[in-house]
Protein backbone atom coordinates (compact mmCIF):
# COMPACT_ATOMS: atom_id res chain seq x y z
CA MET A 1 -0.22 -0.12 -0.19
CA LYS A 2 2.84 2.27 0.91
CA LEU A 3 4.52 1.92 -2.22
CA GLN A 4 1.32 2.59 -4.36
CA GLU A 5 0.80 5.71 -2.16
CA ARG A 6 4.14 6.91 -3.01
CA GLY A 7 3.47 5.76 -6.80
CA ALA A 8 0.41 8.07 -6.82
CA ARG A 9 2.01 10.90 -5.16
CA LEU A 10 5.01 10.52 -7.74
CA SER A 11 2.61 10.52 -10.57
CA GLY A 12 0.80 13.57 -9.18
CA LEU A 13 4.07 15.51 -8.91
CA LEU A 14 4.91 14.54 -12.37
CA SER A 15 1.76 15.35 -14.28
CA PRO A 16 2.21 19.01 -14.29
CA VAL A 17 5.80 18.38 -15.77
CA ARG A 18 4.13 15.96 -18.67
CA SER A 19 1.49 18.41 -19.27
CA SER A 20 3.93 21.47 -19.72
CA ILE A 21 5.84 19.08 -22.00
CA ARG A 22 3.18 18.25 -24.32
CA HIS A 23 1.41 21.76 -24.12
CA PRO A 24 4.07 23.47 -26.05
CA LEU A 25 4.27 20.40 -28.46
CA ALA A 26 0.35 20.43 -29.07
CA THR A 27 0.71 24.44 -29.45
CA LEU A 28 3.23 24.18 -32.18
CA ALA A 29 1.58 21.37 -33.73
CA SER A 30 -1.70 23.57 -34.03
CA PHE A 31 0.12 26.44 -35.36
CA VAL A 32 1.90 24.33 -38.04
CA GLN A 33 -1.32 22.84 -39.07
CA LYS A 34 -3.12 26.24 -39.19
CA THR A 35 -0.22 27.65 -41.24
CA LEU A 36 -0.41 24.64 -43.62
CA VAL A 37 -4.20 25.31 -44.09
CA ILE A 38 -3.69 28.99 -44.94
CA ALA A 39 -0.88 28.02 -47.57
CA GLU A 40 -3.03 25.39 -48.89
CA MET A 41 -5.89 27.80 -49.18
CA GLU A 42 -3.57 30.07 -51.31
CA MET A 43 -2.41 27.72 -53.65
CA ARG A 44 -6.10 26.92 -54.45
CA LYS A 45 -5.95 30.13 -56.44
CA LEU A 46 -2.99 29.02 -58.55
CA ARG A 47 -5.03 25.80 -59.30
CA HIS A 48 -8.02 27.71 -60.41
CA ASP A 49 -5.44 30.12 -62.88
CA PRO A 50 -2.56 27.78 -63.87
CA THR A 51 -1.68 30.29 -66.74
CA GLU A 52 -0.14 32.46 -64.23
CA LEU A 53 2.65 30.22 -64.28
CA ALA A 54 2.90 30.44 -68.00
CA THR A 55 3.06 34.30 -67.87
CA ARG A 56 5.40 34.75 -65.37
CA ALA A 57 7.91 32.47 -67.13
CA VAL A 58 8.14 35.01 -69.87
CA GLN A 59 10.27 37.45 -68.20
CA PRO A 60 12.93 35.10 -66.83
CA ALA A 61 13.09 33.29 -70.22
CA LEU A 62 13.79 36.81 -71.80
CA TRP A 63 16.50 37.81 -69.85
CA LEU A 64 18.43 34.34 -70.07
CA LEU A 65 17.75 33.99 -73.98
CA VAL A 66 18.37 37.46 -74.79
CA PHE A 67 20.37 39.61 -72.25
CA GLY A 68 22.28 36.92 -71.28
CA GLN A 69 23.12 35.29 -74.39
CA VAL A 70 24.18 38.70 -75.77
CA LEU A 71 26.41 39.48 -72.65
CA ASN A 72 27.75 36.05 -72.45
CA ARG A 73 29.40 36.74 -76.01
CA THR A 74 30.57 40.29 -75.14
CA ARG A 75 32.50 39.23 -71.70
CA ALA A 76 31.99 42.68 -70.58
CA PHE A 77 31.86 41.60 -66.79
CA PRO A 78 34.61 39.89 -64.67
CA THR A 79 32.85 36.60 -63.81
CA GLY A 80 35.84 34.38 -62.78
CA ASN A 81 35.49 30.63 -63.97
CA LEU A 82 32.25 31.05 -64.61
CA SER A 83 30.58 31.97 -68.10
CA TYR A 84 28.39 35.08 -68.12
CA LEU A 85 25.13 32.90 -68.73
CA ALA A 86 26.14 30.57 -65.49
CA PHE A 87 26.90 33.83 -63.47
CA MET A 88 23.67 35.22 -64.50
CA THR A 89 21.18 32.36 -63.89
CA PRO A 90 21.09 32.37 -60.14
CA GLY A 91 20.27 35.85 -60.07
CA ILE A 92 17.68 35.71 -62.61
CA LEU A 93 16.06 32.82 -60.19
CA ALA A 94 16.57 35.36 -57.52
CA GLN A 95 14.96 38.28 -59.67
CA SER A 96 11.93 35.63 -60.40
CA VAL A 97 11.35 35.21 -56.54
CA LEU A 98 11.49 38.73 -56.23
CA PHE A 99 9.14 39.74 -58.79
CA ILE A 100 6.67 36.88 -57.54
CA SER A 101 6.71 37.74 -53.89
CA ILE A 102 7.05 41.84 -53.96
CA PHE A 103 3.32 42.21 -55.42
CA TYR A 104 2.00 39.58 -52.85
CA GLY A 105 0.63 42.28 -50.75
CA ILE A 106 -2.18 43.18 -53.12
CA ALA A 107 -3.82 40.02 -52.88
CA VAL A 108 -4.29 40.98 -48.99
CA ILE A 109 -5.85 44.31 -50.22
CA TRP A 110 -7.98 42.31 -52.50
CA GLU A 111 -8.99 40.16 -49.55
CA ARG A 112 -9.95 42.94 -47.55
CA ASP A 113 -11.99 44.81 -50.12
CA LEU A 114 -14.17 41.47 -50.69
CA GLY A 115 -14.55 41.01 -46.84
CA ILE A 116 -12.42 37.79 -46.60
CA LEU A 117 -9.72 39.14 -44.63
CA HIS A 118 -12.29 40.05 -42.08
CA LYS A 119 -13.34 36.48 -41.61
CA PHE A 120 -9.47 35.46 -41.17
CA LEU A 121 -9.07 37.94 -38.31
CA ALA A 122 -12.22 36.90 -36.69
CA SER A 123 -10.97 33.30 -36.42
CA PRO A 124 -8.78 31.89 -33.60
CA THR A 125 -5.98 31.51 -36.24
CA PRO A 126 -2.68 33.38 -34.72
CA ARG A 127 -1.73 36.31 -36.82
CA THR A 128 1.65 34.72 -37.27
CA ALA A 129 0.11 31.60 -38.53
CA LEU A 130 -1.97 33.73 -41.10
CA VAL A 131 1.19 35.71 -42.23
CA THR A 132 3.54 32.55 -42.28
CA GLY A 133 0.91 30.62 -44.38
CA LYS A 134 0.96 33.50 -46.99
CA ALA A 135 4.71 33.43 -46.94
CA LEU A 136 4.77 29.59 -47.59
CA ALA A 137 2.55 29.74 -50.42
CA ALA A 138 4.60 32.63 -51.92
CA GLY A 139 7.20 29.92 -51.44
CA VAL A 140 5.72 27.24 -53.48
CA ARG A 141 4.87 29.63 -56.43
CA ALA A 142 8.46 30.88 -56.61
CA LEU A 143 9.55 26.90 -56.77
CA THR A 144 7.48 26.40 -59.81
CA GLN A 145 9.74 29.24 -61.42
CA ALA A 146 12.92 27.58 -60.10
CA VAL A 147 11.95 24.48 -62.02
CA PHE A 148 11.34 26.32 -65.40
CA ILE A 149 14.78 28.41 -64.78
CA TYR A 150 16.74 25.00 -64.21
CA LEU A 151 15.24 23.36 -67.32
CA LEU A 152 15.97 26.29 -69.31
CA ALA A 153 19.42 26.97 -68.14
CA LEU A 154 20.26 23.28 -68.68
CA ALA A 155 18.93 23.69 -72.52
CA LEU A 156 21.40 26.62 -72.56
CA GLY A 157 24.17 24.69 -71.56
CA VAL A 158 25.04 25.95 -68.26
CA GLU A 159 26.59 23.28 -65.84
CA ILE A 160 23.99 23.01 -63.10
CA ASN A 161 24.93 21.30 -59.83
CA GLY A 162 22.65 18.14 -59.70
CA ASN A 163 23.89 17.18 -56.04
CA PRO A 164 20.81 16.32 -53.86
CA LEU A 165 22.10 18.67 -50.96
CA ALA A 166 22.70 21.44 -53.38
CA LEU A 167 19.11 20.95 -54.92
CA ALA A 168 17.59 20.89 -51.16
CA GLY A 169 19.75 23.92 -50.55
CA VAL A 170 18.25 25.91 -53.47
CA LEU A 171 14.76 25.02 -52.26
CA LEU A 172 15.55 26.24 -48.93
CA VAL A 173 16.88 29.62 -50.09
CA VAL A 174 13.96 29.94 -52.77
CA LEU A 175 11.29 29.67 -49.88
CA LEU A 176 13.19 31.82 -47.33
CA ALA A 177 13.63 34.59 -49.80
CA ALA A 178 10.02 34.23 -51.09
CA ALA A 179 8.72 34.24 -47.51
CA LEU A 180 10.93 37.44 -46.61
CA PHE A 181 9.97 39.54 -49.64
CA SER A 182 6.31 38.52 -49.70
CA THR A 183 6.06 39.22 -45.81
CA PHE A 184 7.89 42.74 -46.67
CA SER A 185 5.12 43.33 -49.49
CA LEU A 186 2.44 42.70 -46.96
CA ILE A 187 3.77 45.21 -44.52
CA ILE A 188 3.57 47.57 -47.17
CA ALA A 189 0.11 46.73 -47.98
CA CYS A 190 -0.82 47.42 -44.36
CA TRP A 191 0.61 50.88 -44.57
CA VAL A 192 -0.55 52.03 -47.87
CA LYS A 193 -3.83 50.19 -47.82
CA THR A 194 -5.05 51.00 -51.16
CA ARG A 195 -4.11 48.92 -54.62
CA GLU A 196 -3.13 52.22 -56.52
CA ARG A 197 -0.67 53.39 -53.82
CA PHE A 198 0.70 49.68 -53.57
CA MET A 199 1.39 49.21 -57.01
CA GLY A 200 3.21 52.49 -57.44
CA ILE A 201 5.58 51.67 -54.37
CA GLY A 202 6.14 48.29 -55.62
CA GLN A 203 7.31 49.25 -58.87
CA VAL A 204 9.53 51.97 -57.32
CA LEU A 205 11.09 48.86 -55.08
CA THR A 206 11.48 46.07 -57.49
CA MET A 207 14.13 47.52 -59.72
CA PRO A 208 16.46 49.11 -56.98
CA LEU A 209 16.64 45.79 -54.97
CA PHE A 210 17.33 43.77 -58.20
CA PHE A 211 19.95 46.22 -59.61
CA ALA A 212 21.44 46.99 -55.96
CA SER A 213 22.32 43.41 -55.83
CA SER A 214 25.08 40.85 -57.45
CA ALA A 215 22.26 39.33 -59.76
CA ILE A 216 23.48 40.36 -63.25
CA TYR A 217 26.89 41.97 -62.29
CA PRO A 218 29.74 41.40 -59.76
CA ILE A 219 29.33 43.86 -56.65
CA SER A 220 33.02 44.74 -57.14
CA ILE A 221 32.44 46.83 -60.27
CA MET A 222 29.71 48.86 -58.61
CA PRO A 223 30.57 52.64 -57.28
CA HIS A 224 31.20 52.41 -53.73
CA TRP A 225 27.91 53.98 -52.60
CA LEU A 226 25.92 51.39 -54.43
CA GLN A 227 28.32 48.77 -52.64
CA LEU A 228 27.12 49.83 -49.58
CA LEU A 229 23.33 49.44 -50.47
CA SER A 230 24.03 45.90 -51.65
CA TYR A 231 25.18 44.91 -48.49
CA ILE A 232 21.84 45.74 -46.76
CA ASN A 233 19.95 44.19 -49.69
CA PRO A 234 18.52 40.66 -48.82
CA LEU A 235 18.58 40.02 -52.60
CA THR A 236 22.34 40.06 -52.47
CA TYR A 237 22.57 37.25 -49.73
CA THR A 238 19.78 35.28 -51.96
CA VAL A 239 21.62 35.68 -55.34
CA ASP A 240 25.19 34.73 -53.08
CA ALA A 241 23.68 31.57 -51.77
CA LEU A 242 22.01 30.50 -55.04
CA ARG A 243 25.22 31.09 -56.98
CA ALA A 244 27.05 28.67 -54.57
CA LEU A 245 24.60 26.23 -54.79
CA MET A 246 23.06 26.20 -58.25
CA VAL A 247 25.75 25.95 -60.77
CA VAL A 248 29.02 24.27 -61.29
CA GLY A 249 31.87 26.30 -59.86
CA GLY A 250 29.70 28.99 -58.19
CA ASN A 251 31.35 30.61 -55.21
CA ASP A 252 29.67 32.61 -52.66
CA ALA A 253 31.09 35.76 -51.16
CA TYR A 254 29.84 36.02 -47.78
CA GLY A 255 29.41 32.39 -46.79
CA LEU A 256 26.52 30.08 -47.32
CA ALA A 257 26.08 29.89 -43.40
CA PHE A 258 25.98 33.82 -43.46
CA ASP A 259 23.60 33.91 -46.28
CA LEU A 260 21.33 31.58 -44.79
CA ALA A 261 21.50 33.32 -41.32
CA ILE A 262 20.63 36.79 -42.72
CA LEU A 263 17.52 35.34 -44.68
CA ILE A 264 16.34 33.31 -41.62
CA SER A 265 16.74 36.29 -39.21
CA VAL A 266 15.26 38.95 -41.61
CA THR A 267 12.23 36.58 -42.51
CA ALA A 268 11.66 36.16 -38.85
CA ILE A 269 11.32 39.73 -37.92
CA LEU A 270 9.43 40.70 -40.75
CA ILE A 271 6.90 37.88 -40.01
CA LEU A 272 6.61 39.05 -36.34
CA PHE A 273 6.30 42.51 -37.55
CA GLY A 274 3.90 41.70 -40.30
CA ALA A 275 1.61 39.81 -37.69
CA ARG A 276 1.39 42.76 -35.57
CA LEU A 277 0.44 45.06 -38.44
CA TYR A 278 -1.81 42.71 -40.11
CA PRO A 279 -5.00 43.53 -38.48
CA THR A 280 -4.46 47.26 -38.91
CA ILE A 281 -5.06 46.99 -42.83
CA VAL A 282 -8.99 46.62 -42.15
CA THR A 283 -8.93 50.04 -40.02
């Protein structure tokens, strides 16, 4: 009897500990589930209009087929042991991720105007799950562009790194970059609140972000003031990581671990900030 009583007491003492262990795991599982539901809902839009994939593939194709082919012959930029086309390919993938993600905030404004956003905010879903789900959906859209650019680069004779770890790294970088820029877009949408203002700001931001990076030329040939801007540009670290992972002989200027650390930290900060601002778009 004494042993049973002691066992019962011990079980009673351990039950709060067990519940405290299970509670964070249950909370995390619930957060992940709600995030995936939001992402899946966003992906349904793509299934309803798959022509969007074809239209978005036109721009990177033009950059590689026209701009890349011409400058590959001129050898105008110092690209080390890489051909200019191989140097440019990761930059065009980064550009596609940027262009897909930076206008993602306009969908949030549409949802507000249609009354969908009010239903999201009235649900018990955490704001961070809403923002993270939309960011994940943007990443999946960007991955479709990555597949197209990989196939086009192979057709143009670019030596692609087929190592499974490298491919997994590219997948991770594309997802992180898409999440970063789509959340940045959502934050802008929460500030400006109208489609007209958003389109103007989005167009103003895309070109400076693209050209103030190493997407189509090395940072070393930039003027000093532009080099300083490139160091605070997240697209610079996206291109740097993709160049190290995507093409044979590609080098990273800052180190892959540093590139990933920048992308992860900035994405996390933007998601938290975006979750805080998200409800303000309806006011």
